[in-house]
Amino acid sequence: MRSVYKFLLGVFAAWAMAMPAHAFMPESGWWWNPSQSGRGFNLEIQNKRLFISIYSYTASGEPFAYGAGGEMSSDRTFTGTLTLTKGGPCLGCAYTQPTTQAAGTVTVAFDSPTTGTVTLPGSAPIPIQRFVFGLDAGNINLLMGEWTVVRGGGSFPVYFGERISFWTNQTSNGKLYAVGSRSRSPGDIAVASQDSSGQYILLDSSTSYYQFYALTPSGLNALEGRSWTYLKTSEPSGAGLPVLAMRSRSAAAVATGSGPGFASALENPMSVSTPPNDGERARQAAMQATEERRQQAASGATEGRLPPELRAVLASLQAQLQ
């Protein structure tokens, strides 16, 4: 077990060293400070421009809307002139032109895709975080839904695609696992676990190969990390390939067929399509494994193996299908 975690820690350390210090994407959406309910921030980033709207109050307690927008000074900081908007139309009233006035300077500083600080006029920096209201983000259930995965990059820009769906969970030896499959191929089972370092997915990729992913969330709808395609008679080794995964269907859409999702992903991921035969899938997996070895040879990475309980849980699920 010690070698498992030594390997995983080494993977994450090498990945972190390879990534630029500024390499993250702040997430657009609602932000707040949980200890200061009644006030919130909506942040939207397009290209390198940020717009922030704030629902807050005047000194006398009247609610007012504030806003600011403009070019970010870096990938994680923004400073702009805050504008107070008032005198606009009430709910159900005819439109009236609101008036605006400058209300000081606002600064936003992100330290991760989902955490940061906002500094308002006359205020110390206020810690803020993404407002999570529809996802179970505290455990492996964050993976519920469909993920569209791109694997590859580095010295050799060759890329591979995958779609993996999770729609249920299972507890084994007191630990919670997400369970799903390759989209539209329910026989290709996927199982995922989580610990303090990140999230791990094992996919039964073909008759001869597994795919293993070691990931960390980048916001609520993206994952980043490394992946390995390897023979079932061996263990994953080397640095693997870079991975970026984006949520393409919501958990509700995958589980019930009714919920948000991209149009190209609207087919039922649990329905059975006509997949490539085992020989073709094995050929594709072997090609991916060859590309990984090619990149690993250039990186000089060390060998290691995945958390063993993932394979045991996957084997148990496969036995239930037989």
Protein backbone atom coordinates (compact mmCIF):
# COMPACT_ATOMS: atom_id res chain seq x y z
CA MET A 1 0.00 0.00 0.00
CA ARG A 2 2.88 2.37 0.78
CA SER A 3 4.22 1.99 -2.77
CA VAL A 4 0.78 2.86 -4.16
CA TYR A 5 0.64 6.20 -2.41
CA LYS A 6 4.32 6.89 -3.03
CA PHE A 7 3.66 6.48 -6.73
CA LEU A 8 0.54 8.64 -6.69
CA LEU A 9 2.24 11.41 -4.70
CA GLY A 10 5.11 11.30 -7.17
CA VAL A 11 2.70 11.59 -10.08
CA PHE A 12 0.94 14.62 -8.63
CA ALA A 13 4.25 16.26 -7.67
CA ALA A 14 5.67 15.78 -11.16
CA TRP A 15 2.46 17.05 -12.72
CA ALA A 16 2.45 20.14 -10.50
CA MET A 17 6.09 20.91 -11.35
CA ALA A 18 5.37 20.57 -15.06
CA MET A 19 2.42 22.96 -14.96
CA PRO A 20 3.02 26.75 -15.00
CA ALA A 21 2.27 28.36 -11.64
CA HIS A 22 -0.55 30.40 -13.20
CA ALA A 23 -2.18 27.52 -15.04
CA PHE A 24 -5.80 27.49 -13.91
CA MET A 25 -9.10 28.81 -15.21
CA PRO A 26 -11.21 30.75 -12.67
CA GLU A 27 -14.77 29.49 -12.89
CA SER A 28 -17.64 31.73 -13.93
CA GLY A 29 -20.80 31.66 -11.83
CA TRP A 30 -22.11 32.61 -8.40
CA TRP A 31 -19.61 33.16 -5.61
CA TRP A 32 -20.11 33.92 -1.92
CA ASN A 33 -18.68 33.90 1.57
CA PRO A 34 -20.57 31.22 3.55
CA SER A 35 -20.26 33.23 6.77
CA GLN A 36 -21.76 36.34 5.13
CA SER A 37 -25.08 35.16 3.71
CA GLY A 38 -27.25 37.86 2.18
CA ARG A 39 -24.47 39.17 -0.04
CA GLY A 40 -23.15 37.51 -3.18
CA PHE A 41 -21.07 37.97 -6.29
CA ASN A 42 -21.62 36.90 -9.88
CA LEU A 43 -18.38 36.56 -11.81
CA GLU A 44 -18.18 36.01 -15.55
CA ILE A 45 -14.92 35.66 -17.48
CA GLN A 46 -14.78 35.82 -21.26
CA ASN A 47 -11.33 35.62 -22.82
CA LYS A 48 -9.30 37.86 -20.46
CA ARG A 49 -12.16 40.18 -19.51
CA LEU A 50 -14.04 39.91 -16.24
CA PHE A 51 -17.40 41.30 -15.19
CA ILE A 52 -18.51 41.22 -11.56
CA SER A 53 -21.98 42.06 -10.28
CA ILE A 54 -22.55 42.39 -6.55
CA TYR A 55 -25.81 42.35 -4.64
CA SER A 56 -25.20 44.28 -1.46
CA TYR A 57 -26.53 47.23 0.53
CA THR A 58 -25.96 50.90 1.24
CA ALA A 59 -24.92 52.12 4.70
CA SER A 60 -28.61 52.60 5.53
CA GLY A 61 -29.43 48.99 4.60
CA GLU A 62 -31.07 49.57 1.21
CA PRO A 63 -30.31 46.84 -1.33
CA PHE A 64 -28.42 47.98 -4.39
CA ALA A 65 -26.67 46.45 -7.37
CA TYR A 66 -23.04 47.15 -8.06
CA GLY A 67 -20.95 46.15 -11.04
CA ALA A 68 -17.51 46.45 -12.60
CA GLY A 69 -15.86 45.07 -15.69
CA GLY A 70 -12.73 45.23 -17.79
CA GLU A 71 -9.43 43.60 -18.65
CA MET A 72 -7.83 41.29 -16.10
CA SER A 73 -4.29 42.28 -15.12
CA SER A 74 -3.27 38.60 -15.09
CA ASP A 75 -4.95 35.20 -15.31
CA ARG A 76 -5.98 35.54 -11.66
CA THR A 77 -6.37 39.24 -10.77
CA PHE A 78 -8.73 42.07 -11.70
CA THR A 79 -9.05 45.66 -10.51
CA GLY A 80 -11.77 47.99 -11.75
CA THR A 81 -14.07 50.87 -10.94
CA LEU A 82 -17.19 49.78 -9.08
CA THR A 83 -20.43 51.32 -10.33
CA LEU A 84 -23.59 51.73 -8.27
CA THR A 85 -26.80 51.31 -10.28
CA LYS A 86 -30.10 52.69 -8.99
CA GLY A 87 -33.41 54.13 -10.10
CA GLY A 88 -34.25 51.38 -12.59
CA PRO A 89 -37.57 49.60 -13.12
CA CYS A 90 -39.24 47.67 -10.31
CA LEU A 91 -40.62 44.14 -10.82
CA GLY A 92 -43.64 44.37 -13.11
CA CYS A 93 -43.11 48.11 -13.75
CA ALA A 94 -42.52 49.84 -17.05
CA TYR A 95 -38.87 50.25 -17.93
CA THR A 96 -37.09 53.34 -16.65
CA GLN A 97 -33.50 54.23 -17.35
CA PRO A 98 -31.34 53.62 -14.25
CA THR A 99 -28.63 56.00 -13.15
CA THR A 100 -25.08 55.05 -12.29
CA GLN A 101 -22.33 56.53 -10.20
CA ALA A 102 -18.78 55.52 -9.38
CA ALA A 103 -18.51 53.77 -6.02
CA GLY A 104 -14.78 53.17 -5.62
CA THR A 105 -12.39 50.40 -6.60
CA VAL A 106 -12.96 46.64 -6.47
CA THR A 107 -10.21 44.01 -6.68
CA VAL A 108 -10.71 40.29 -7.32
CA ALA A 109 -7.85 37.84 -6.75
CA PHE A 110 -8.26 34.12 -7.48
CA ASP A 111 -6.08 31.50 -5.82
CA SER A 112 -7.78 28.49 -7.45
CA PRO A 113 -10.60 27.92 -9.95
CA THR A 114 -13.14 28.08 -7.10
CA THR A 115 -11.57 30.21 -4.33
CA GLY A 116 -10.28 33.74 -4.02
CA THR A 117 -10.80 37.13 -2.39
CA VAL A 118 -12.69 40.28 -3.27
CA THR A 119 -11.72 43.68 -1.85
CA LEU A 120 -14.50 46.28 -1.76
CA PRO A 121 -14.17 50.02 -1.02
CA GLY A 122 -13.34 50.53 2.67
CA SER A 123 -13.12 46.78 3.31
CA ALA A 124 -10.42 44.24 4.03
CA PRO A 125 -10.14 41.36 1.51
CA ILE A 126 -13.16 39.05 1.80
CA PRO A 127 -12.58 35.32 1.17
CA ILE A 128 -15.02 34.01 -1.46
CA GLN A 129 -15.73 30.63 -3.02
CA ARG A 130 -17.98 29.14 -5.67
CA PHE A 131 -21.56 28.80 -4.49
CA VAL A 132 -22.30 25.07 -4.79
CA PHE A 133 -26.04 24.37 -4.68
CA GLY A 134 -26.75 21.52 -7.09
CA LEU A 135 -23.74 19.20 -6.88
CA ASP A 136 -22.43 16.89 -4.18
CA ALA A 137 -18.94 18.34 -4.41
CA GLY A 138 -17.58 16.99 -1.13
CA ASN A 139 -17.05 13.40 -2.29
CA ILE A 140 -16.78 11.15 -5.33
CA ASN A 141 -20.39 11.92 -6.28
CA LEU A 142 -19.02 15.06 -7.96
CA LEU A 143 -18.27 12.71 -10.88
CA MET A 144 -21.94 11.86 -11.45
CA GLY A 145 -22.80 12.68 -15.06
CA GLU A 146 -20.89 12.25 -18.29
CA TRP A 147 -17.31 13.38 -18.86
CA THR A 148 -15.73 13.98 -22.24
CA VAL A 149 -12.04 13.23 -21.93
CA VAL A 150 -9.06 14.29 -24.04
CA ARG A 151 -5.78 12.50 -23.37
CA GLY A 152 -2.41 13.43 -24.83
CA GLY A 153 -0.04 16.31 -25.43
CA GLY A 154 3.42 17.01 -24.11
CA SER A 155 6.36 16.45 -26.43
CA PHE A 156 4.24 14.44 -28.89
CA PRO A 157 0.94 16.19 -29.75
CA VAL A 158 -1.14 13.05 -30.31
CA TYR A 159 -4.58 13.04 -28.67
CA PHE A 160 -7.17 10.39 -27.79
CA GLY A 161 -10.82 10.88 -26.89
CA GLU A 162 -13.08 9.08 -24.41
CA ARG A 163 -16.55 9.53 -22.90
CA ILE A 164 -17.22 8.09 -19.44
CA SER A 165 -20.55 8.24 -17.58
CA PHE A 166 -21.24 7.74 -13.86
CA TRP A 167 -24.82 7.29 -12.61
CA THR A 168 -24.71 5.36 -9.33
CA ASN A 169 -22.45 4.63 -6.38
CA GLN A 170 -21.45 1.68 -4.27
CA THR A 171 -19.88 1.31 -0.83
CA SER A 172 -17.17 -1.31 -0.33
CA ASN A 173 -15.33 -1.78 2.98
CA GLY A 174 -16.73 1.53 4.17
CA LYS A 175 -15.50 3.51 1.15
CA LEU A 176 -17.74 5.23 -1.40
CA TYR A 177 -17.18 4.57 -5.11
CA ALA A 178 -18.78 6.08 -8.21
CA VAL A 179 -19.87 3.45 -10.73
CA GLY A 180 -20.55 3.83 -14.45
CA SER A 181 -19.15 2.83 -17.81
CA ARG A 182 -17.88 4.02 -21.14
CA SER A 183 -20.84 5.93 -22.58
CA ARG A 184 -23.19 3.68 -24.56
CA SER A 185 -21.07 0.64 -23.75
CA PRO A 186 -22.29 -0.47 -20.30
CA GLY A 187 -20.14 -3.61 -20.41
CA ASP A 188 -17.03 -1.42 -20.24
CA ILE A 189 -17.36 -0.70 -16.53
CA ALA A 190 -15.77 2.33 -14.85
CA VAL A 191 -15.25 2.73 -11.11
CA ALA A 192 -13.89 5.80 -9.29
CA SER A 193 -12.62 6.60 -5.81
CA GLN A 194 -11.35 9.68 -4.01
CA ASP A 195 -8.81 10.58 -1.35
CA SER A 196 -7.12 13.77 -0.15
CA SER A 197 -4.85 13.85 -3.22
CA GLY A 198 -7.52 13.57 -5.88
CA GLN A 199 -9.85 11.27 -7.75
CA TYR A 200 -9.03 7.99 -9.47
CA ILE A 201 -10.90 6.27 -12.29
CA LEU A 202 -10.33 2.74 -13.59
CA LEU A 203 -12.03 1.89 -16.91
CA ASP A 204 -12.27 -1.61 -18.36
CA SER A 205 -11.14 -0.32 -21.75
CA SER A 206 -11.01 -3.57 -23.74
CA THR A 207 -10.45 -7.30 -23.36
CA SER A 208 -6.73 -6.80 -22.73
CA TYR A 209 -6.37 -3.22 -21.44
CA TYR A 210 -7.35 -0.95 -18.56
CA GLN A 211 -7.36 2.83 -18.55
CA PHE A 212 -6.40 4.45 -15.24
CA TYR A 213 -6.87 8.16 -14.48
CA ALA A 214 -5.42 10.18 -11.58
CA LEU A 215 -7.28 13.51 -11.50
CA THR A 216 -7.98 16.65 -9.52
CA PRO A 217 -11.08 18.85 -9.96
CA SER A 218 -10.56 22.16 -11.73
CA GLY A 219 -13.80 23.80 -10.66
CA LEU A 220 -17.13 22.02 -10.65
CA ASN A 221 -17.19 20.87 -14.26
CA ALA A 222 -13.60 20.07 -15.23
CA LEU A 223 -10.90 17.61 -14.19
CA GLU A 224 -7.16 17.60 -14.91
CA GLY A 225 -4.48 15.00 -14.38
CA ARG A 226 -2.72 12.04 -15.98
CA SER A 227 -3.83 8.75 -17.54
CA TRP A 228 -2.36 5.35 -18.31
CA THR A 229 -3.44 2.62 -20.75
CA TYR A 230 -1.86 -0.68 -19.74
CA LEU A 231 -2.22 -4.43 -20.11
CA LYS A 232 -4.38 -6.13 -17.51
CA THR A 233 -1.49 -8.48 -16.78
CA SER A 234 0.73 -5.55 -15.75
CA GLU A 235 0.60 -2.29 -13.77
CA PRO A 236 0.56 1.36 -14.95
CA SER A 237 4.05 2.84 -15.17
CA GLY A 238 5.75 6.09 -16.07
CA ALA A 239 4.25 9.57 -16.10
CA GLY A 240 1.22 8.74 -18.26
CA LEU A 241 -0.47 11.23 -20.57
CA PRO A 242 -1.93 14.64 -19.67
CA VAL A 243 -5.73 14.59 -19.34
CA LEU A 244 -8.44 17.23 -19.52
CA ALA A 245 -12.04 16.14 -18.84
CA MET A 246 -15.11 18.35 -19.16
CA ARG A 247 -18.62 17.56 -17.94
CA SER A 248 -20.77 17.04 -21.05
CA ARG A 249 -24.00 15.84 -19.40
CA SER A 250 -25.47 16.49 -15.99
CA ALA A 251 -26.03 13.73 -13.44
CA ALA A 252 -29.79 14.05 -13.95
CA ALA A 253 -29.47 13.69 -17.73
CA VAL A 254 -27.40 10.52 -17.36
CA ALA A 255 -29.52 8.93 -14.62
CA THR A 256 -33.01 9.85 -15.89
CA GLY A 257 -32.62 11.10 -19.46
CA SER A 258 -33.95 14.52 -18.44
CA GLY A 259 -31.48 17.26 -17.58
CA PRO A 260 -28.92 19.65 -19.06
CA GLY A 261 -26.34 18.30 -21.49
CA PHE A 262 -24.65 19.15 -24.76
CA ALA A 263 -26.70 18.29 -27.84
CA SER A 264 -24.07 15.94 -29.24
CA ALA A 265 -24.19 13.98 -25.96
CA LEU A 266 -27.96 13.63 -25.63
CA GLU A 267 -28.19 9.95 -26.47
CA ASN A 268 -28.70 7.75 -23.44
CA PRO A 269 -25.18 6.79 -22.27
CA MET A 270 -26.56 3.60 -20.71
CA SER A 271 -28.19 2.42 -23.95
CA VAL A 272 -26.24 -0.14 -25.93
CA SER A 273 -24.85 0.95 -29.28
CA THR A 274 -22.89 -1.22 -31.68
CA PRO A 275 -19.36 -0.89 -30.30
CA PRO A 276 -16.17 -1.79 -32.16
CA ASN A 277 -15.35 -5.48 -31.88
CA ASP A 278 -12.86 -6.60 -29.24
CA GLY A 279 -10.05 -6.75 -31.78
CA GLU A 280 -10.56 -3.14 -32.85
CA ARG A 281 -10.83 -1.91 -29.26
CA ALA A 282 -7.66 -3.80 -28.35
CA ARG A 283 -5.89 -2.27 -31.37
CA GLN A 284 -6.91 1.24 -30.30
CA ALA A 285 -5.85 0.59 -26.70
CA ALA A 286 -2.49 -0.79 -27.84
CA MET A 287 -1.95 2.31 -29.98
CA GLN A 288 -2.64 4.53 -26.96
CA ALA A 289 -0.31 2.47 -24.76
CA THR A 290 2.44 2.75 -27.39
CA GLU A 291 2.06 6.53 -27.50
CA GLU A 292 2.23 6.69 -23.71
CA ARG A 293 5.45 4.68 -23.68
CA ARG A 294 6.85 7.02 -26.31
CA GLN A 295 6.19 10.03 -24.11
CA GLN A 296 7.30 8.27 -20.94
CA ALA A 297 10.65 7.38 -22.52
CA ALA A 298 11.23 11.09 -23.10
CA SER A 299 10.23 11.98 -19.53
CA GLY A 300 12.39 9.39 -17.74
CA ALA A 301 9.57 8.83 -15.21
CA THR A 302 9.61 6.10 -12.58
CA GLU A 303 7.21 3.17 -12.37
CA GLY A 304 4.39 2.55 -9.94
CA ARG A 305 0.87 1.17 -9.60
CA LEU A 306 -2.71 2.24 -8.91
CA PRO A 307 -4.77 1.87 -5.70
CA PRO A 308 -5.44 -1.90 -5.65
CA GLU A 309 -8.99 -1.60 -4.30
CA LEU A 310 -10.16 -0.03 -7.59
CA ARG A 311 -9.38 -3.19 -9.51
CA ALA A 312 -11.06 -5.32 -6.83
CA VAL A 313 -14.27 -3.26 -6.95
CA LEU A 314 -14.31 -3.32 -10.75
CA ALA A 315 -13.85 -7.11 -10.76
CA SER A 316 -16.74 -7.46 -8.30
CA LEU A 317 -19.01 -5.41 -10.57
CA GLN A 318 -18.02 -7.45 -13.60
CA ALA A 319 -18.87 -10.65 -11.74
CA GLN A 320 -22.35 -9.27 -10.98
CA LEU A 321 -22.96 -8.76 -14.71
CA GLN A 322 -22.12 -12.35 -15.61
